[in-house]
Amino acid sequence: MATSGNSCPLPAISNISLPRRSFSTVTRSSLTDQSQPPSLAAKRHLLRLVSDQDRGLKTQSDPQKLSQIIEAIDSLAAAGRGTITTDESLSSTWRMLWTTEKEQLFIIKNAPILGTSAGDVLQVIDVDQRTLNNVITFPPDGVFFVRSEIQVASTQRVDFR
């Protein structure tokens, strides 16, 4: 996930593959929810909300869904309060599942005009090297690459430029 602006306050989710399932009825139980750690339940809820949003393209025209997703992000942040998320564990290649970042959404949306479609959208973060690279792939061999520098601002916040 990404945000617009000069910071990256939202949680990143690495190597998640979302199963494509269709449920006519979903039954939830407070007993089931209580058996999960709050952060896991919050993450699963957020992943469900973004799973059908075409990386954020659909959310641009759905203020109600945007509000639900932002609320779920806030819930996940609250569940993880006190956790250090800017240490070496942040260094990885992360797949973007959803964003409000307008430039990335513009490229994803308009790739067909160039006769292609966007593949994976990734962030490659290296805390030790203080780098963050945004990568949009265009299979079979195209790529759009933006290099940034990062600075750890707190235990849960990384600023970039």
C-alpha atoms as a PDB file:
ATOM      1  CA  MET A   1       0.000   0.000   0.000  1.00  0.00           C
ATOM      2  CA  ALA A   2       1.128   3.478  -0.551  1.00  0.00           C
ATOM      3  CA  THR A   3      -0.026   6.956   0.136  1.00  0.00           C
ATOM      4  CA  SER A   4       0.399  10.222  -1.643  1.00  0.00           C
ATOM      5  CA  GLY A   5       2.604  12.835  -0.036  1.00  0.00           C
ATOM      6  CA  ASN A   6       6.063  12.555   1.407  1.00  0.00           C
ATOM      7  CA  SER A   7       5.571   9.721   3.849  1.00  0.00           C
ATOM      8  CA  CYS A   8       4.635   6.075   3.930  1.00  0.00           C
ATOM      9  CA  PRO A   9       2.468   5.681   7.057  1.00  0.00           C
ATOM     10  CA  LEU A  10       0.415   2.707   5.936  1.00  0.00           C
ATOM     11  CA  PRO A  11       1.319  -0.887   6.722  1.00  0.00           C
ATOM     12  CA  ALA A  12       2.912  -2.929   3.982  1.00  0.00           C
ATOM     13  CA  ILE A  13       1.901  -6.486   3.328  1.00  0.00           C
ATOM     14  CA  SER A  14       4.416  -8.834   1.755  1.00  0.00           C
ATOM     15  CA  ASN A  15       3.956 -11.962  -0.287  1.00  0.00           C
ATOM     16  CA  ILE A  16       0.199 -12.244   0.186  1.00  0.00           C
ATOM     17  CA  SER A  17      -1.812 -14.098  -2.412  1.00  0.00           C
ATOM     18  CA  LEU A  18      -5.520 -13.554  -2.128  1.00  0.00           C
ATOM     19  CA  PRO A  19      -7.673 -16.519  -3.019  1.00  0.00           C
ATOM     20  CA  ARG A  20     -10.403 -15.754  -5.548  1.00  0.00           C
ATOM     21  CA  ARG A  21     -13.508 -17.102  -3.849  1.00  0.00           C
ATOM     22  CA  SER A  22     -17.109 -16.135  -4.086  1.00  0.00           C
ATOM     23  CA  PHE A  23     -19.334 -16.522  -1.051  1.00  0.00           C
ATOM     24  CA  SER A  24     -23.071 -16.036  -1.241  1.00  0.00           C
ATOM     25  CA  THR A  25     -23.297 -15.821   2.545  1.00  0.00           C
ATOM     26  CA  VAL A  26     -20.597 -14.976   5.038  1.00  0.00           C
ATOM     27  CA  THR A  27     -21.269 -15.849   8.648  1.00  0.00           C
ATOM     28  CA  ARG A  28     -19.158 -14.253  11.330  1.00  0.00           C
ATOM     29  CA  SER A  29     -19.033 -15.194  14.949  1.00  0.00           C
ATOM     30  CA  SER A  30     -17.728 -13.166  17.844  1.00  0.00           C
ATOM     31  CA  LEU A  31     -16.233 -16.393  19.199  1.00  0.00           C
ATOM     32  CA  THR A  32     -14.326 -16.913  15.941  1.00  0.00           C
ATOM     33  CA  ASP A  33     -13.130 -13.303  15.885  1.00  0.00           C
ATOM     34  CA  GLN A  34     -11.926 -13.501  19.496  1.00  0.00           C
ATOM     35  CA  SER A  35      -9.760 -16.526  18.748  1.00  0.00           C
ATOM     36  CA  GLN A  36      -7.598 -14.461  16.357  1.00  0.00           C
ATOM     37  CA  PRO A  37      -5.076 -11.887  17.494  1.00  0.00           C
ATOM     38  CA  PRO A  38      -6.570  -8.414  16.867  1.00  0.00           C
ATOM     39  CA  SER A  39      -3.848  -7.520  14.354  1.00  0.00           C
ATOM     40  CA  LEU A  40      -4.497 -10.667  12.287  1.00  0.00           C
ATOM     41  CA  ALA A  41      -8.247 -10.067  12.255  1.00  0.00           C
ATOM     42  CA  ALA A  42      -7.662  -6.419  11.256  1.00  0.00           C
ATOM     43  CA  LYS A  43      -5.255  -7.448   8.462  1.00  0.00           C
ATOM     44  CA  ARG A  44      -7.688 -10.026   7.089  1.00  0.00           C
ATOM     45  CA  HIS A  45     -10.521  -7.483   7.152  1.00  0.00           C
ATOM     46  CA  LEU A  46      -8.395  -4.936   5.266  1.00  0.00           C
ATOM     47  CA  LEU A  47      -7.336  -7.528   2.693  1.00  0.00           C
ATOM     48  CA  ARG A  48     -10.974  -8.465   2.101  1.00  0.00           C
ATOM     49  CA  LEU A  49     -11.894  -4.811   1.571  1.00  0.00           C
ATOM     50  CA  VAL A  50      -9.150  -4.131  -0.990  1.00  0.00           C
ATOM     51  CA  SER A  51      -9.348  -7.474  -2.814  1.00  0.00           C
ATOM     52  CA  ASP A  52     -11.901  -6.271  -5.391  1.00  0.00           C
ATOM     53  CA  GLN A  53     -10.679  -2.682  -5.773  1.00  0.00           C
ATOM     54  CA  ASP A  54      -8.345  -3.149  -8.767  1.00  0.00           C
ATOM     55  CA  ARG A  55      -5.368  -1.780  -6.784  1.00  0.00           C
ATOM     56  CA  GLY A  56      -7.350   1.354  -5.895  1.00  0.00           C
ATOM     57  CA  LEU A  57      -8.781   2.249  -9.294  1.00  0.00           C
ATOM     58  CA  LYS A  58     -12.353   1.366  -8.270  1.00  0.00           C
ATOM     59  CA  THR A  59     -11.980   3.137  -4.933  1.00  0.00           C
ATOM     60  CA  GLN A  60     -11.408   6.471  -6.699  1.00  0.00           C
ATOM     61  CA  SER A  61     -15.105   6.608  -7.588  1.00  0.00           C
ATOM     62  CA  ASP A  62     -16.486   5.015  -4.406  1.00  0.00           C
ATOM     63  CA  PRO A  63     -16.192   7.331  -1.364  1.00  0.00           C
ATOM     64  CA  GLN A  64     -18.029   4.843   0.862  1.00  0.00           C
ATOM     65  CA  LYS A  65     -15.544   2.059   0.069  1.00  0.00           C
ATOM     66  CA  LEU A  66     -12.628   4.476   0.524  1.00  0.00           C
ATOM     67  CA  SER A  67     -13.973   5.361   3.964  1.00  0.00           C
ATOM     68  CA  GLN A  68     -14.280   1.682   4.903  1.00  0.00           C
ATOM     69  CA  ILE A  69     -10.706   0.983   3.766  1.00  0.00           C
ATOM     70  CA  ILE A  70      -9.285   3.982   5.644  1.00  0.00           C
ATOM     71  CA  GLU A  71     -11.174   2.876   8.765  1.00  0.00           C
ATOM     72  CA  ALA A  72      -9.719  -0.636   8.380  1.00  0.00           C
ATOM     73  CA  ILE A  73      -6.204   0.822   7.972  1.00  0.00           C
ATOM     74  CA  ASP A  74      -6.705   2.853  11.148  1.00  0.00           C
ATOM     75  CA  SER A  75      -7.889  -0.288  12.970  1.00  0.00           C
ATOM     76  CA  LEU A  76      -4.827  -2.212  11.822  1.00  0.00           C
ATOM     77  CA  ALA A  77      -2.572   0.646  12.944  1.00  0.00           C
ATOM     78  CA  ALA A  78      -4.280   0.695  16.350  1.00  0.00           C
ATOM     79  CA  ALA A  79      -3.886  -3.085  16.709  1.00  0.00           C
ATOM     80  CA  GLY A  80      -0.160  -2.732  15.927  1.00  0.00           C
ATOM     81  CA  ARG A  81       0.465   0.285  18.151  1.00  0.00           C
ATOM     82  CA  GLY A  82       3.766  -0.161  19.954  1.00  0.00           C
ATOM     83  CA  THR A  83       5.124  -2.548  17.330  1.00  0.00           C
ATOM     84  CA  ILE A  84       8.355  -1.595  15.569  1.00  0.00           C
ATOM     85  CA  THR A  85       7.740  -1.712  11.819  1.00  0.00           C
ATOM     86  CA  THR A  86      10.711   0.319  10.569  1.00  0.00           C
ATOM     87  CA  ASP A  87      13.499  -2.081  11.485  1.00  0.00           C
ATOM     88  CA  GLU A  88      15.205  -4.554   9.158  1.00  0.00           C
ATOM     89  CA  SER A  89      11.943  -6.514   8.815  1.00  0.00           C
ATOM     90  CA  LEU A  90      10.697  -3.701   6.541  1.00  0.00           C
ATOM     91  CA  SER A  91      13.502  -4.495   4.073  1.00  0.00           C
ATOM     92  CA  SER A  92      11.884  -6.632   1.416  1.00  0.00           C
ATOM     93  CA  THR A  93      10.051  -6.588  -1.882  1.00  0.00           C
ATOM     94  CA  TRP A  94       6.413  -5.730  -1.199  1.00  0.00           C
ATOM     95  CA  ARG A  95       3.528  -6.180  -3.633  1.00  0.00           C
ATOM     96  CA  MET A  96       1.145  -3.233  -3.755  1.00  0.00           C
ATOM     97  CA  LEU A  97      -2.427  -4.423  -3.358  1.00  0.00           C
ATOM     98  CA  TRP A  98      -4.089  -1.011  -2.979  1.00  0.00           C
ATOM     99  CA  THR A  99      -3.115   2.646  -3.089  1.00  0.00           C
ATOM    100  CA  THR A 100      -4.456   6.173  -3.325  1.00  0.00           C
ATOM    101  CA  GLU A 101      -1.232   7.362  -4.963  1.00  0.00           C
ATOM    102  CA  LYS A 102      -2.492   9.134  -8.088  1.00  0.00           C
ATOM    103  CA  GLU A 103       0.607   8.739 -10.279  1.00  0.00           C
ATOM    104  CA  GLN A 104       0.716   4.957  -9.811  1.00  0.00           C
ATOM    105  CA  LEU A 105      -3.019   4.656 -10.444  1.00  0.00           C
ATOM    106  CA  PHE A 106      -2.696   6.809 -13.575  1.00  0.00           C
ATOM    107  CA  ILE A 107       0.006   4.528 -15.007  1.00  0.00           C
ATOM    108  CA  ILE A 108      -1.944   1.359 -14.151  1.00  0.00           C
ATOM    109  CA  LYS A 109      -5.167   2.729 -15.637  1.00  0.00           C
ATOM    110  CA  ASN A 110      -3.587   4.052 -18.837  1.00  0.00           C
ATOM    111  CA  ALA A 111      -1.201   1.187 -19.660  1.00  0.00           C
ATOM    112  CA  PRO A 112      -3.642  -0.191 -22.288  1.00  0.00           C
ATOM    113  CA  ILE A 113      -3.265   3.043 -24.277  1.00  0.00           C
ATOM    114  CA  LEU A 114       0.355   2.011 -24.768  1.00  0.00           C
ATOM    115  CA  GLY A 115      -0.701  -1.473 -25.853  1.00  0.00           C
ATOM    116  CA  THR A 116       0.172  -3.192 -22.605  1.00  0.00           C
ATOM    117  CA  SER A 117      -1.173  -3.801 -19.115  1.00  0.00           C
ATOM    118  CA  ALA A 118       0.407  -3.369 -15.725  1.00  0.00           C
ATOM    119  CA  GLY A 119       1.775  -6.474 -14.072  1.00  0.00           C
ATOM    120  CA  ASP A 120       3.033  -6.482 -10.513  1.00  0.00           C
ATOM    121  CA  VAL A 121       3.411  -3.168  -8.721  1.00  0.00           C
ATOM    122  CA  LEU A 122       6.159  -3.441  -6.145  1.00  0.00           C
ATOM    123  CA  GLN A 123       8.048  -1.486  -3.530  1.00  0.00           C
ATOM    124  CA  VAL A 124      11.586  -2.624  -2.876  1.00  0.00           C
ATOM    125  CA  ILE A 125      12.682  -1.292   0.509  1.00  0.00           C
ATOM    126  CA  ASP A 126      16.161  -1.508   2.015  1.00  0.00           C
ATOM    127  CA  VAL A 127      16.300   0.119   5.448  1.00  0.00           C
ATOM    128  CA  ASP A 128      20.099  -0.229   5.795  1.00  0.00           C
ATOM    129  CA  GLN A 129      20.740   1.359   2.379  1.00  0.00           C
ATOM    130  CA  ARG A 130      17.926   3.899   2.993  1.00  0.00           C
ATOM    131  CA  THR A 131      16.285   3.194  -0.381  1.00  0.00           C
ATOM    132  CA  LEU A 132      12.731   2.720  -1.556  1.00  0.00           C
ATOM    133  CA  ASN A 133      12.134   1.825  -5.194  1.00  0.00           C
ATOM    134  CA  ASN A 134       8.694   1.786  -6.781  1.00  0.00           C
ATOM    135  CA  VAL A 135       8.455  -0.678  -9.648  1.00  0.00           C
ATOM    136  CA  ILE A 136       5.560  -1.171 -12.059  1.00  0.00           C
ATOM    137  CA  THR A 137       6.081  -4.135 -14.360  1.00  0.00           C
ATOM    138  CA  PHE A 138       4.683  -4.449 -17.869  1.00  0.00           C
ATOM    139  CA  PRO A 139       5.005  -8.084 -18.939  1.00  0.00           C
ATOM    140  CA  PRO A 140       6.801  -9.577 -20.651  1.00  0.00           C
ATOM    141  CA  ASP A 141       9.797  -7.288 -20.134  1.00  0.00           C
ATOM    142  CA  GLY A 142       8.789  -3.654 -19.507  1.00  0.00           C
ATOM    143  CA  VAL A 143       9.260  -1.755 -16.263  1.00  0.00           C
ATOM    144  CA  PHE A 144       8.642   1.709 -14.829  1.00  0.00           C
ATOM    145  CA  PHE A 145      11.074   2.426 -11.999  1.00  0.00           C
ATOM    146  CA  VAL A 146      11.232   5.310  -9.499  1.00  0.00           C
ATOM    147  CA  ARG A 147      14.123   5.480  -7.031  1.00  0.00           C
ATOM    148  CA  SER A 148      13.668   7.216  -3.651  1.00  0.00           C
ATOM    149  CA  GLU A 149      15.622   7.720  -0.467  1.00  0.00           C
ATOM    150  CA  ILE A 150      14.062   6.951   2.905  1.00  0.00           C
ATOM    151  CA  GLN A 151      14.654   8.119   6.426  1.00  0.00           C
ATOM    152  CA  VAL A 152      13.228   6.349   9.464  1.00  0.00           C
ATOM    153  CA  ALA A 153      11.128   8.990  11.226  1.00  0.00           C
ATOM    154  CA  SER A 154       9.823   6.834  14.100  1.00  0.00           C
ATOM    155  CA  THR A 155       9.286   3.208  15.074  1.00  0.00           C
ATOM    156  CA  GLN A 156       6.342   3.059  12.640  1.00  0.00           C
ATOM    157  CA  ARG A 157       6.980   5.760  10.071  1.00  0.00           C
ATOM    158  CA  VAL A 158       9.356   6.124   7.129  1.00  0.00           C
ATOM    159  CA  ASP A 159       9.646   9.396   5.197  1.00  0.00           C
ATOM    160  CA  PHE A 160      10.768   9.305   1.593  1.00  0.00           C
ATOM    161  CA  ARG A 161      11.803  11.699  -1.151  1.00  0.00           C
END
